[in-house]
Protein backbone atom coordinates (compact mmCIF):
# COMPACT_ATOMS: atom_id res chain seq x y z
CA MET A 1 -33.19 8.05 -18.59
CA THR A 2 -34.77 4.65 -19.20
CA ASP A 3 -35.83 2.32 -16.41
CA LYS A 4 -33.12 -0.10 -17.52
CA ASN A 5 -30.35 2.49 -17.15
CA SER A 6 -31.83 3.66 -13.86
CA ASN A 7 -31.69 0.08 -12.61
CA TYR A 8 -27.96 -0.18 -13.38
CA ILE A 9 -27.23 3.06 -11.55
CA LYS A 10 -29.23 1.89 -8.52
CA ARG A 11 -27.38 -1.44 -8.44
CA ILE A 12 -23.98 0.23 -8.71
CA ILE A 13 -24.85 2.71 -5.95
CA ALA A 14 -26.36 -0.02 -3.73
CA VAL A 15 -23.05 -1.89 -3.70
CA ALA A 16 -20.69 1.08 -3.91
CA LEU A 17 -22.30 3.60 -1.53
CA PRO A 18 -21.85 1.67 1.75
CA ILE A 19 -18.28 0.80 0.77
CA ALA A 20 -17.67 4.41 -0.24
CA LEU A 21 -19.06 5.77 3.03
CA SER A 22 -16.93 3.32 4.97
CA ASN A 23 -13.86 4.24 2.94
CA LEU A 24 -14.56 7.97 3.24
CA VAL A 25 -14.85 7.68 6.99
CA SER A 26 -11.62 5.68 6.94
CA GLN A 27 -9.94 8.33 4.78
CA LEU A 28 -11.18 11.00 7.16
CA GLN A 29 -9.54 8.99 9.90
CA LEU A 30 -6.29 8.82 7.90
CA LEU A 31 -6.41 12.52 7.13
CA ILE A 32 -6.95 13.38 10.80
CA ASP A 33 -4.12 10.97 11.57
CA ARG A 34 -1.92 12.92 9.13
CA MET A 35 -3.05 16.19 10.72
CA PHE A 36 -2.04 14.92 14.17
CA ILE A 37 1.31 13.63 12.92
CA GLY A 38 1.86 16.80 10.88
CA ARG A 39 1.63 18.78 14.12
CA LEU A 40 4.67 16.83 15.37
CA SER A 41 7.01 17.58 12.45
CA LEU A 42 7.46 17.13 8.69
CA ASP A 43 10.03 14.44 9.55
CA SER A 44 7.28 12.50 11.33
CA VAL A 45 5.05 12.77 8.24
CA SER A 46 7.89 11.45 6.06
CA ALA A 47 8.60 8.60 8.48
CA VAL A 48 4.96 7.47 8.52
CA SER A 49 4.66 7.85 4.75
CA ASN A 50 7.75 5.70 4.22
CA ALA A 51 6.35 3.08 6.61
CA THR A 52 2.75 2.97 5.42
CA THR A 53 3.49 2.73 1.70
CA PRO A 54 5.23 -0.69 1.79
CA PHE A 55 3.12 -1.86 4.74
CA TRP A 56 -0.23 -1.30 3.02
CA THR A 57 1.29 -2.56 -0.24
CA THR A 58 1.60 -6.00 1.28
CA MET A 59 -1.87 -5.70 2.82
CA SER A 60 -3.47 -4.72 -0.47
CA THR A 61 -1.70 -7.59 -2.26
CA VAL A 62 -3.50 -10.09 -0.01
CA PHE A 63 -6.84 -8.43 -0.74
CA ALA A 64 -5.99 -8.39 -4.45
CA LEU A 65 -5.53 -12.17 -4.36
CA THR A 66 -9.17 -12.32 -3.30
CA THR A 67 -10.16 -10.63 -6.57
CA GLY A 68 -9.98 -14.06 -8.21
CA ALA A 69 -12.60 -15.34 -5.78
CA THR A 70 -14.80 -12.30 -6.44
CA ILE A 71 -14.69 -13.03 -10.17
CA VAL A 72 -15.56 -16.73 -9.99
CA VAL A 73 -18.05 -16.40 -7.12
CA SER A 74 -19.93 -13.50 -8.73
CA GLN A 75 -20.09 -15.34 -12.04
CA ALA A 76 -21.37 -18.48 -10.30
CA TYR A 77 -23.93 -16.38 -8.41
CA GLY A 78 -25.03 -14.69 -11.65
CA ALA A 79 -25.50 -18.15 -13.21
CA ASN A 80 -27.55 -19.18 -10.11
CA GLU A 81 -24.97 -21.86 -9.16
CA ILE A 82 -25.19 -21.11 -5.44
CA GLU A 83 -23.48 -24.26 -4.10
CA LYS A 84 -20.58 -23.72 -6.46
CA ALA A 85 -20.24 -20.15 -5.18
CA LYS A 86 -20.28 -21.40 -1.58
CA SER A 87 -17.57 -23.99 -2.28
CA TYR A 88 -15.22 -21.29 -3.57
CA LEU A 89 -15.90 -19.07 -0.57
CA ALA A 90 -15.47 -21.93 1.90
CA ALA A 91 -12.01 -22.66 0.51
CA LEU A 92 -11.17 -18.96 0.62
CA PHE A 93 -12.09 -18.73 4.32
CA LYS A 94 -9.98 -21.79 5.10
CA PHE A 95 -6.80 -21.24 3.11
CA ASN A 96 -6.47 -17.47 2.81
CA ASN A 97 -5.04 -16.97 6.30
CA VAL A 98 -1.59 -18.31 5.51
CA PHE A 99 -0.57 -15.09 3.78
CA GLY A 100 -1.70 -12.86 6.64
CA ILE A 101 0.20 -14.79 9.31
CA GLY A 102 3.34 -14.81 7.17
CA LEU A 103 3.18 -11.04 6.66
CA PHE A 104 2.58 -10.48 10.38
CA LEU A 105 5.82 -12.33 11.16
CA PHE A 106 7.72 -10.47 8.45
CA TRP A 107 6.73 -6.98 9.63
CA ILE A 108 7.40 -7.86 13.27
CA LEU A 109 10.85 -9.33 12.62
CA CYS A 110 12.46 -7.46 9.75
CA PRO A 111 10.86 -4.17 8.62
CA GLN A 112 14.29 -2.53 8.62
CA ILE A 113 15.24 -4.54 5.53
CA VAL A 114 12.49 -2.87 3.50
CA PHE A 115 13.27 0.64 4.72
CA ARG A 116 17.00 0.33 4.06
CA ILE A 117 16.30 -0.88 0.52
CA MET A 118 14.03 2.15 0.10
CA GLY A 119 16.83 4.44 1.20
CA VAL A 120 14.90 5.93 4.12
CA ASP A 121 17.00 8.61 5.79
CA GLU A 122 18.76 7.54 9.00
CA SER A 123 17.19 10.48 10.83
CA ILE A 124 13.69 8.98 10.45
CA ILE A 125 14.20 5.24 9.89
CA GLY A 126 13.74 4.45 13.59
CA MET A 127 10.27 6.01 13.55
CA SER A 128 9.37 4.08 10.38
CA ILE A 129 10.45 0.77 11.97
CA ASP A 130 8.45 1.47 15.13
CA TYR A 131 5.34 2.32 13.12
CA ALA A 132 5.54 -0.88 11.05
CA ARG A 133 6.13 -3.18 14.01
CA TYR A 134 3.27 -1.79 16.06
CA CYS A 135 0.91 -2.07 13.06
CA ALA A 136 1.94 -5.66 12.23
CA PRO A 137 -0.84 -7.38 14.29
CA VAL A 138 -3.34 -5.99 11.74
CA PHE A 139 -2.24 -8.80 9.41
CA ILE A 140 -3.49 -11.55 11.74
CA PHE A 141 -7.08 -11.14 10.52
CA THR A 142 -6.27 -10.09 6.95
CA GLY A 143 -7.04 -13.51 5.44
CA ILE A 144 -10.49 -13.91 6.96
CA GLY A 145 -11.21 -10.20 6.50
CA SER A 146 -10.61 -10.36 2.76
CA ALA A 147 -12.81 -13.47 2.51
CA ILE A 148 -15.65 -11.68 4.35
CA SER A 149 -15.30 -8.67 2.04
CA CYS A 150 -15.63 -10.94 -1.00
CA MET A 151 -18.75 -12.59 0.43
CA LEU A 152 -20.43 -9.27 1.26
CA GLU A 153 -19.67 -7.75 -2.15
CA VAL A 154 -20.91 -10.75 -4.13
CA SER A 155 -24.03 -10.97 -1.96
CA GLN A 156 -24.55 -7.23 -2.64
CA LYS A 157 -24.97 -6.70 1.12
CA THR A 158 -22.36 -4.09 1.94
CA VAL A 159 -24.28 -1.81 4.34
CA ILE A 160 -22.40 -3.30 7.31
CA MET A 161 -19.26 -1.63 5.92
CA ILE A 162 -20.63 1.70 7.15
CA ALA A 163 -20.66 0.41 10.74
CA TYR A 164 -17.22 -1.07 10.17
CA GLY A 165 -15.82 2.23 8.93
CA LEU A 166 -17.41 4.31 11.66
CA THR A 167 -16.34 1.98 14.47
CA ARG A 168 -12.78 1.70 13.21
CA SER A 169 -12.36 5.37 12.41
CA LEU A 170 -13.88 6.85 15.55
CA THR A 171 -11.80 4.48 17.65
CA ASN A 172 -8.66 5.43 15.74
CA ILE A 173 -9.26 9.19 16.04
CA ALA A 174 -9.89 8.96 19.77
CA LEU A 175 -6.84 6.81 20.37
CA ASP A 176 -4.69 9.05 18.14
CA TYR A 177 -5.58 12.03 20.31
CA ILE A 178 -4.77 10.12 23.47
CA LEU A 179 -1.63 8.24 22.43
CA ILE A 180 0.14 10.61 20.01
CA PHE A 181 0.04 13.65 22.29
CA GLY A 182 -0.42 12.03 25.71
CA HIS A 183 -3.82 12.78 27.26
CA PHE A 184 -5.83 11.31 30.14
CA GLY A 185 -2.69 10.19 31.91
CA PHE A 186 -1.10 8.37 28.94
CA PRO A 187 2.44 9.23 27.84
CA ALA A 188 2.97 11.15 24.57
CA MET A 189 4.09 8.39 22.19
CA GLY A 190 4.23 10.27 18.87
CA VAL A 191 4.49 8.07 15.77
CA LYS A 192 4.47 4.92 17.88
CA GLY A 193 1.16 5.98 19.45
CA ALA A 194 -0.35 6.51 15.98
CA ALA A 195 0.56 2.94 15.04
CA ILE A 196 -0.91 1.45 18.22
CA ALA A 197 -4.13 3.43 17.68
CA THR A 198 -4.40 2.13 14.10
CA THR A 199 -3.88 -1.48 15.17
CA ILE A 200 -6.49 -1.43 17.94
CA ALA A 201 -9.02 0.33 15.70
CA GLU A 202 -8.51 -2.13 12.82
CA LEU A 203 -9.03 -5.14 15.08
CA ILE A 204 -12.23 -3.68 16.59
CA GLY A 205 -13.61 -2.89 13.12
CA ASP A 206 -12.85 -6.43 11.93
CA LEU A 207 -14.70 -7.83 14.93
CA VAL A 208 -17.85 -5.85 13.99
CA VAL A 209 -17.92 -7.32 10.46
CA LEU A 210 -17.14 -10.83 11.69
CA ILE A 211 -20.07 -10.80 14.12
CA TYR A 212 -22.41 -9.54 11.38
CA SER A 213 -21.24 -12.24 8.97
CA ILE A 214 -21.94 -14.95 11.53
CA MET A 215 -25.35 -13.63 12.58
CA SER A 216 -26.82 -12.39 9.27
CA THR A 217 -29.45 -14.42 7.41
CA LYS A 218 -29.18 -12.30 4.24
CA LEU A 219 -25.97 -13.66 2.72
CA PRO A 220 -27.04 -16.14 0.01
CA VAL A 221 -23.50 -17.35 -0.76
CA ARG A 222 -22.29 -17.71 2.84
CA PRO A 223 -20.77 -21.18 3.38
CA SER A 224 -21.53 -23.19 6.50
CA MET A 225 -18.88 -23.94 9.11
CA ASN A 226 -18.79 -27.58 7.95
CA GLN A 227 -18.21 -26.45 4.36
CA ILE A 228 -15.30 -24.30 5.53
CA ILE A 229 -13.75 -27.00 7.71
CA PHE A 230 -13.99 -29.74 5.07
CA SER A 231 -13.30 -27.58 2.03
CA LYS A 232 -10.66 -28.79 -0.42
CA LEU A 233 -7.65 -26.97 -1.74
CA LYS A 234 -8.73 -27.26 -5.40
CA PRO A 235 -11.45 -24.54 -5.33
CA TYR A 236 -9.03 -22.19 -3.60
CA LEU A 237 -6.42 -22.81 -6.29
CA GLY A 238 -9.14 -22.07 -8.83
CA THR A 239 -9.65 -18.62 -7.32
CA ILE A 240 -5.92 -18.04 -6.94
CA LYS A 241 -5.47 -18.66 -10.67
CA PHE A 242 -7.41 -15.45 -11.25
CA GLY A 243 -6.27 -13.76 -8.07
CA ILE A 244 -2.54 -13.95 -8.83
CA PRO A 245 -2.71 -11.62 -11.87
CA ALA A 246 -4.75 -9.14 -9.81
CA ALA A 247 -2.28 -9.41 -6.93
CA CYS A 248 0.64 -8.95 -9.32
CA GLU A 249 -1.11 -5.89 -10.76
CA GLU A 250 -1.59 -4.45 -7.26
CA PHE A 251 1.96 -5.32 -6.28
CA ALA A 252 3.40 -3.78 -9.45
CA TRP A 253 1.42 -0.56 -8.88
CA ASN A 254 2.70 -0.34 -5.34
CA ILE A 255 6.27 -1.13 -6.38
CA GLY A 256 6.05 1.88 -8.68
CA ASN A 257 4.86 4.02 -5.76
CA LEU A 258 7.62 2.66 -3.52
CA TYR A 259 10.20 3.53 -6.15
CA LEU A 260 8.73 7.01 -6.40
CA LEU A 261 9.31 7.36 -2.66
CA VAL A 262 12.91 6.25 -3.15
CA MET A 263 13.39 8.96 -5.78
CA LEU A 264 11.63 11.56 -3.62
CA ASN A 265 13.86 10.63 -0.69
CA LYS A 266 16.84 11.32 -2.96
CA ILE A 267 15.43 14.78 -3.70
CA SER A 268 14.86 15.51 0.01
CA VAL A 269 12.99 14.39 3.11
CA GLU A 270 10.72 17.38 2.53
CA ALA A 271 9.83 16.17 -0.97
CA ALA A 272 8.60 12.84 0.44
CA GLY A 273 6.53 14.72 2.99
CA ILE A 274 4.98 17.01 0.35
CA HIS A 275 4.10 14.00 -1.80
CA ALA A 276 2.45 12.30 1.18
CA ILE A 277 0.35 15.38 1.98
CA VAL A 278 -0.76 16.26 -1.55
CA PHE A 279 -1.57 12.73 -2.67
CA GLY A 280 -3.24 12.17 0.69
CA VAL A 281 -5.78 14.79 -0.41
CA GLU A 282 -6.33 12.86 -3.67
CA LEU A 283 -7.04 9.67 -1.73
CA ILE A 284 -10.52 10.87 -0.76
CA ALA A 285 -11.65 10.85 -4.39
CA VAL A 286 -9.70 7.68 -5.15
CA GLU A 287 -11.52 5.81 -2.39
CA LEU A 288 -14.80 6.74 -4.06
CA PHE A 289 -13.46 5.43 -7.37
CA VAL A 290 -12.30 2.20 -5.74
CA SER A 291 -15.74 1.69 -4.18
CA ILE A 292 -17.43 2.16 -7.55
CA GLY A 293 -14.77 -0.10 -9.06
CA THR A 294 -15.65 -2.81 -6.54
CA ALA A 295 -19.29 -2.55 -7.60
CA THR A 296 -18.21 -2.65 -11.26
CA LEU A 297 -16.17 -5.80 -10.71
CA THR A 298 -18.92 -7.60 -8.82
CA LEU A 299 -21.80 -6.57 -11.09
CA SER A 300 -19.90 -7.12 -14.35
CA GLY A 301 -19.04 -10.61 -13.08
CA PHE A 302 -22.70 -11.16 -12.24
CA GLU A 303 -23.74 -9.98 -15.73
CA THR A 304 -21.10 -12.23 -17.31
CA GLY A 305 -22.54 -15.18 -15.38
CA LYS A 306 -25.95 -14.27 -16.84
CA LYS A 307 -24.29 -14.02 -20.30
CA SER A 308 -25.40 -10.42 -20.73
CA MET A 309 -22.65 -8.50 -22.53
CA ASP A 310 -24.93 -5.47 -22.74
CA GLY A 311 -25.15 -5.66 -18.96
CA VAL A 312 -21.35 -5.66 -18.62
CA TRP A 313 -21.08 -2.56 -20.81
CA ASN A 314 -23.88 -0.71 -18.99
CA VAL A 315 -22.27 -1.36 -15.62
CA VAL A 316 -18.95 0.03 -16.86
CA LYS A 317 -20.53 2.98 -18.69
CA TRP A 318 -22.55 4.26 -15.74
CA SER A 319 -19.66 3.70 -13.35
CA LEU A 320 -17.47 5.86 -15.59
CA ILE A 321 -20.10 8.59 -15.64
CA LEU A 322 -20.36 8.60 -11.84
CA CYS A 323 -16.56 8.83 -11.51
CA GLY A 324 -16.43 11.64 -14.07
CA VAL A 325 -18.85 13.73 -12.01
CA ILE A 326 -16.79 13.14 -8.86
CA SER A 327 -13.58 14.16 -10.68
CA VAL A 328 -15.10 17.43 -11.91
CA VAL A 329 -16.30 18.34 -8.41
CA ASN A 330 -12.85 17.66 -6.97
CA VAL A 331 -11.03 19.74 -9.59
CA VAL A 332 -13.36 22.69 -8.88
CA LEU A 333 -12.68 22.43 -5.14
CA PHE A 334 -8.93 22.12 -5.69
CA MET A 335 -8.93 25.24 -7.87
CA ILE A 336 -11.06 27.36 -5.54
CA PHE A 337 -9.64 26.36 -2.13
CA PRO A 338 -6.06 25.06 -2.65
CA GLU A 339 -4.36 26.83 0.27
CA THR A 340 -7.23 26.05 2.63
CA ILE A 341 -7.16 22.34 1.75
CA LEU A 342 -3.41 21.92 2.26
CA GLY A 343 -3.52 24.15 5.33
CA TRP A 344 -5.46 21.38 7.08
CA PHE A 345 -2.46 19.06 6.85
CA THR A 346 0.62 21.22 7.28
CA THR A 347 1.73 24.58 8.63
CA ASP A 348 4.73 24.63 6.26
CA LYS A 349 4.47 27.92 4.31
CA ALA A 350 6.49 26.60 1.34
CA VAL A 351 4.07 23.71 0.80
CA ILE A 352 1.00 25.91 1.15
CA SER A 353 2.33 28.54 -1.27
CA ALA A 354 2.83 25.86 -3.95
CA ALA A 355 -0.66 24.41 -3.33
CA PRO A 356 -2.45 25.68 -6.48
CA LEU A 357 0.04 24.01 -8.83
CA TYR A 358 0.25 20.72 -6.91
CA LEU A 359 -3.49 20.33 -6.50
CA LEU A 360 -4.20 21.20 -10.14
CA ILE A 361 -1.93 18.33 -11.24
CA VAL A 362 -3.60 16.01 -8.74
CA GLY A 363 -7.02 17.06 -10.03
CA ILE A 364 -6.04 16.29 -13.61
CA ASP A 365 -4.74 12.91 -12.48
CA LEU A 366 -8.20 11.95 -11.17
CA PHE A 367 -9.68 11.55 -14.66
CA PRO A 368 -7.32 8.90 -16.09
CA LYS A 369 -6.94 7.24 -12.70
CA SER A 370 -10.69 6.74 -12.26
CA GLY A 371 -10.93 5.52 -15.85
CA ASN A 372 -8.29 2.85 -15.21
CA ILE A 373 -10.03 1.71 -12.03
CA ILE A 374 -13.45 1.34 -13.66
CA VAL A 375 -12.40 -0.01 -17.06
CA GLY A 376 -10.00 -2.41 -15.35
CA SER A 377 -12.73 -3.64 -12.99
CA GLY A 378 -15.01 -4.32 -15.94
CA ILE A 379 -12.30 -6.29 -17.74
CA LYS A 380 -11.57 -8.33 -14.61
CA GLY A 381 -15.25 -8.95 -13.85
CA TYR A 382 -15.61 -10.29 -17.39
CA GLY A 383 -12.95 -12.86 -16.47
CA ASP A 384 -9.64 -11.48 -17.77
CA PRO A 385 -7.48 -10.12 -14.92
CA ARG A 386 -4.25 -10.85 -16.82
CA TRP A 387 -4.63 -7.84 -19.12
CA MET A 388 -4.64 -5.37 -16.24
CA MET A 389 -1.55 -7.05 -14.81
CA LEU A 390 0.27 -6.54 -18.12
CA THR A 391 -0.66 -2.87 -18.49
CA GLN A 392 0.28 -2.21 -14.86
CA LEU A 393 3.65 -3.90 -15.38
CA PHE A 394 4.16 -1.55 -18.32
CA GLY A 395 3.17 1.37 -16.09
CA THR A 396 5.58 0.32 -13.34
CA VAL A 397 8.48 0.04 -15.78
CA PHE A 398 7.52 3.45 -17.16
CA VAL A 399 7.39 5.03 -13.67
CA ILE A 400 10.71 3.52 -12.58
CA SER A 401 12.49 4.46 -15.82
CA ALA A 402 11.04 7.95 -16.11
CA SER A 403 11.53 8.89 -12.44
CA THR A 404 15.13 7.63 -12.52
CA VAL A 405 15.92 9.77 -15.55
CA LEU A 406 14.10 12.79 -14.12
CA VAL A 407 15.81 12.66 -10.72
CA MET A 408 19.17 10.94 -11.25
CA VAL A 409 20.06 12.17 -14.74
CA LEU A 410 18.20 15.45 -15.25
CA HIS A 411 18.17 16.41 -11.53
CA MET A 412 14.56 17.56 -11.68
CA GLY A 413 12.18 17.90 -8.76
CA ILE A 414 8.76 17.04 -7.40
CA PHE A 415 6.82 18.99 -10.08
CA GLU A 416 8.19 16.79 -12.85
CA ILE A 417 7.48 13.66 -10.80
CA PHE A 418 3.82 14.69 -10.44
CA CYS A 419 3.50 15.29 -14.19
CA MET A 420 5.05 11.91 -14.90
CA VAL A 421 2.42 10.19 -12.72
CA VAL A 422 -0.37 11.79 -14.78
CA ALA A 423 1.32 10.66 -18.01
CA ASP A 424 1.51 7.06 -16.73
CA GLU A 425 -2.20 6.92 -15.87
CA THR A 426 -3.18 8.46 -19.23
CA ILE A 427 -1.12 6.06 -21.35
CA ARG A 428 -2.51 3.03 -19.52
CA LEU A 429 -6.08 4.30 -19.85
CA ILE A 430 -5.67 4.39 -23.64
CA PHE A 431 -4.48 0.76 -23.63
CA ASN A 432 -7.21 -0.41 -21.25
CA ALA A 433 -10.04 1.35 -23.10
CA GLY A 434 -8.95 -0.36 -26.32
CA LYS A 435 -8.99 -3.72 -24.56
CA LEU A 436 -12.48 -3.15 -23.15
CA ARG A 437 -13.74 -2.32 -26.64
CA ARG A 438 -12.38 -5.64 -27.92
CA VAL A 439 -13.89 -7.49 -24.93
CA ILE A 440 -17.36 -6.10 -25.64
CA LYS A 441 -17.12 -7.23 -29.27
CA LYS A 442 -15.72 -10.67 -28.40
CA GLY A 443 -18.51 -12.03 -26.23
CA PHE A 444 -18.34 -14.33 -23.22
CA VAL A 445 -15.74 -16.16 -21.22
CA SER A 446 -16.29 -18.10 -18.01
CA ALA A 447 -13.81 -17.45 -15.25
CA ASP A 448 -13.44 -21.13 -14.43
CA SER A 449 -13.45 -22.42 -18.00
């Protein structure tokens, strides 16, 4: 391996590893959360799954809007236009909070609208509503939290995310134990207790990152308080121009997942619970892919700002190789220990007996899914987020159409739904890889041109 290639790998890992560790700790927290809830009942798992899918869809859409800022700020930083980068971030800090406050009000006042549209069974809808309402305060700091994430990623100073993940996750696990089951004199609150634990832990984790961002002297693109206060709307609109396609892509992906839940609910409450458990296992690997994808987006934007198309390709290439290694390791583990892995999350014998088949499909899904995350991040970092929006819209239409036919017309079950998800990821990877090839040949584009 040449020194040049080694340098790209080191840069990718330097950005991705702290985010990955934070996300892995967070996923461990979520998995333990699922273990605790799974000990209550499969109905409780289904209720939380139905609540968290649309809830975190809206959360991720706000963060996806920030992708536009990551593109333009990283390109400005790569071109050594530091004040320009600060002006974009200042506007992001100031104007990005409107979305979070609006979503907080929505999930406090009318979560039942979402769950009734989804067709959540009456036997569990009350638990889903409780979970959403008690988690709603998380949105209060979503705007500033997404702005801080953008600043840390572009500055390539993401180590604080490890402290964030550990603080949030350890707090959540401790509070889950206390509030779900009722320990140390607290009442057993079940699903409601899980939501309260998540909210408190998220707010404490956000506070850790906020204090670091204020105190650190190693953030070259951090705007001053005066820059934030007196920032204009125009730079923010400039980031939103590129953030909207990314947000639409994220929203479309999540709409497809929500519709899958609707179809699974039509099969049975148990089917929704099985889906939540099995794809919850996949999330560990996916969080690693997302972390590497974040590094790919930031570094490919930086290389685009430097007008180094070879740099863009090398970032994408080595990110794909890293994700490929992770996918192979996961498939091996899924094939060797399927019953053991699912046994951590449920005591249901029917689910555990079907584990080898379910986990094999999930393992296969990792390869095209990681490819879409990395290739898509490279395309967006180059300055073209619209393409990924279009291919995701295609994927969402495919998922909705195919799952409707499979469930409503052919009366098939969860196995066919899983296979359809793999087909969707594979088709989109073919489209996206072709686009990346054309991008590499084309040359440069500036995100704000």
